[in-house]
Amino acid sequence: MALFRLPVRGSHLARGVHLRGLVVEADHAGLSAVAGLADQGLLRPHIDATFPLAEAAAAHARGESGRTTGNIVLTVR
């Protein structure tokens, strides 16, 4: 697992925003490490939009638009 800082500019810098990236292997050890960070409350993913599963096509279109600023989540209920 590798953790690295990302540049912050403009008004975000003035507000004390800190960004970090995380790269992990898609194996048991890497995913366990991410789960541990989540359990500790150390991960805060940015969610751009949430769609019900029935609107998966709209979620896909939003992702393809190139205008998202975070993750797109499909909810299943």
Protein backbone atom coordinates (compact mmCIF):
# COMPACT_ATOMS: atom_id res chain seq x y z
CA MET A 1 0.00 0.00 0.00
CA ALA A 2 1.31 3.45 -0.89
CA LEU A 3 -0.03 6.73 0.48
CA PHE A 4 0.91 10.01 -1.19
CA ARG A 5 0.01 13.70 -0.97
CA LEU A 6 -1.86 15.47 -3.75
CA PRO A 7 -1.48 19.19 -4.53
CA VAL A 8 -4.05 21.59 -3.09
CA ARG A 9 -4.52 25.03 -4.63
CA GLY A 10 -6.56 28.20 -4.29
CA SER A 11 -9.33 28.56 -1.75
CA HIS A 12 -8.99 24.91 -0.67
CA LEU A 13 -5.45 25.60 0.52
CA ALA A 14 -6.64 28.60 2.53
CA ARG A 15 -9.31 26.42 4.21
CA GLY A 16 -6.76 23.84 5.33
CA VAL A 17 -7.84 21.09 2.92
CA HIS A 18 -5.45 18.14 2.69
CA LEU A 19 -5.62 15.52 -0.07
CA ARG A 20 -3.95 12.14 -0.10
CA GLY A 21 -4.06 9.34 -2.61
CA LEU A 22 -3.93 5.65 -1.87
CA VAL A 23 -2.69 2.86 -4.15
CA VAL A 24 -3.15 -0.78 -3.16
CA GLU A 25 -2.76 -4.15 -4.80
CA ALA A 26 -6.08 -5.82 -5.60
CA ASP A 27 -5.26 -8.81 -3.42
CA HIS A 28 -6.23 -9.98 0.05
CA ALA A 29 -3.44 -8.07 1.80
CA GLY A 30 -4.15 -4.80 0.00
CA LEU A 31 -7.89 -4.96 0.50
CA SER A 32 -7.43 -5.92 4.15
CA ALA A 33 -5.26 -2.84 4.60
CA VAL A 34 -7.97 -0.63 3.10
CA ALA A 35 -10.62 -2.30 5.28
CA GLY A 36 -8.48 -1.54 8.34
CA LEU A 37 -8.28 2.14 7.40
CA ALA A 38 -12.05 2.21 6.87
CA ASP A 39 -12.66 0.54 10.23
CA GLN A 40 -10.53 3.25 11.88
CA GLY A 41 -12.55 5.99 10.16
CA LEU A 42 -9.49 7.20 8.24
CA LEU A 43 -11.04 7.02 4.75
CA ARG A 44 -13.40 9.67 3.49
CA PRO A 45 -14.34 8.94 -0.11
CA HIS A 46 -15.83 11.75 -2.15
CA ILE A 47 -19.22 10.73 -3.55
CA ASP A 48 -20.24 12.70 -6.64
CA ALA A 49 -23.66 11.06 -7.11
CA THR A 50 -25.81 8.17 -5.93
CA PHE A 51 -28.25 6.32 -8.20
CA PRO A 52 -30.65 3.44 -7.55
CA LEU A 53 -29.73 0.29 -9.46
CA ALA A 54 -32.73 0.85 -11.75
CA GLU A 55 -30.99 4.02 -13.01
CA ALA A 56 -27.66 2.34 -13.79
CA ALA A 57 -27.75 3.69 -17.36
CA ALA A 58 -27.98 7.27 -16.04
CA ALA A 59 -25.10 6.58 -13.62
CA HIS A 60 -23.01 5.22 -16.47
CA ALA A 61 -23.79 8.27 -18.61
CA ARG A 62 -22.73 10.57 -15.76
CA GLY A 63 -19.44 8.70 -15.44
CA GLU A 64 -18.81 8.89 -19.17
CA SER A 65 -19.53 12.64 -19.20
CA GLY A 66 -16.11 13.44 -17.76
CA ARG A 67 -17.69 15.93 -15.36
CA THR A 68 -17.69 13.88 -12.18
CA THR A 69 -15.69 15.04 -9.18
CA GLY A 70 -15.86 11.83 -7.19
CA ASN A 71 -17.25 8.34 -7.09
CA ILE A 72 -20.62 7.30 -8.47
CA VAL A 73 -22.54 4.88 -6.25
CA LEU A 74 -25.30 2.46 -7.25
CA THR A 75 -27.62 1.54 -4.39
CA VAL A 76 -29.32 -1.84 -4.14
CA ARG A 77 -32.40 -2.24 -1.96
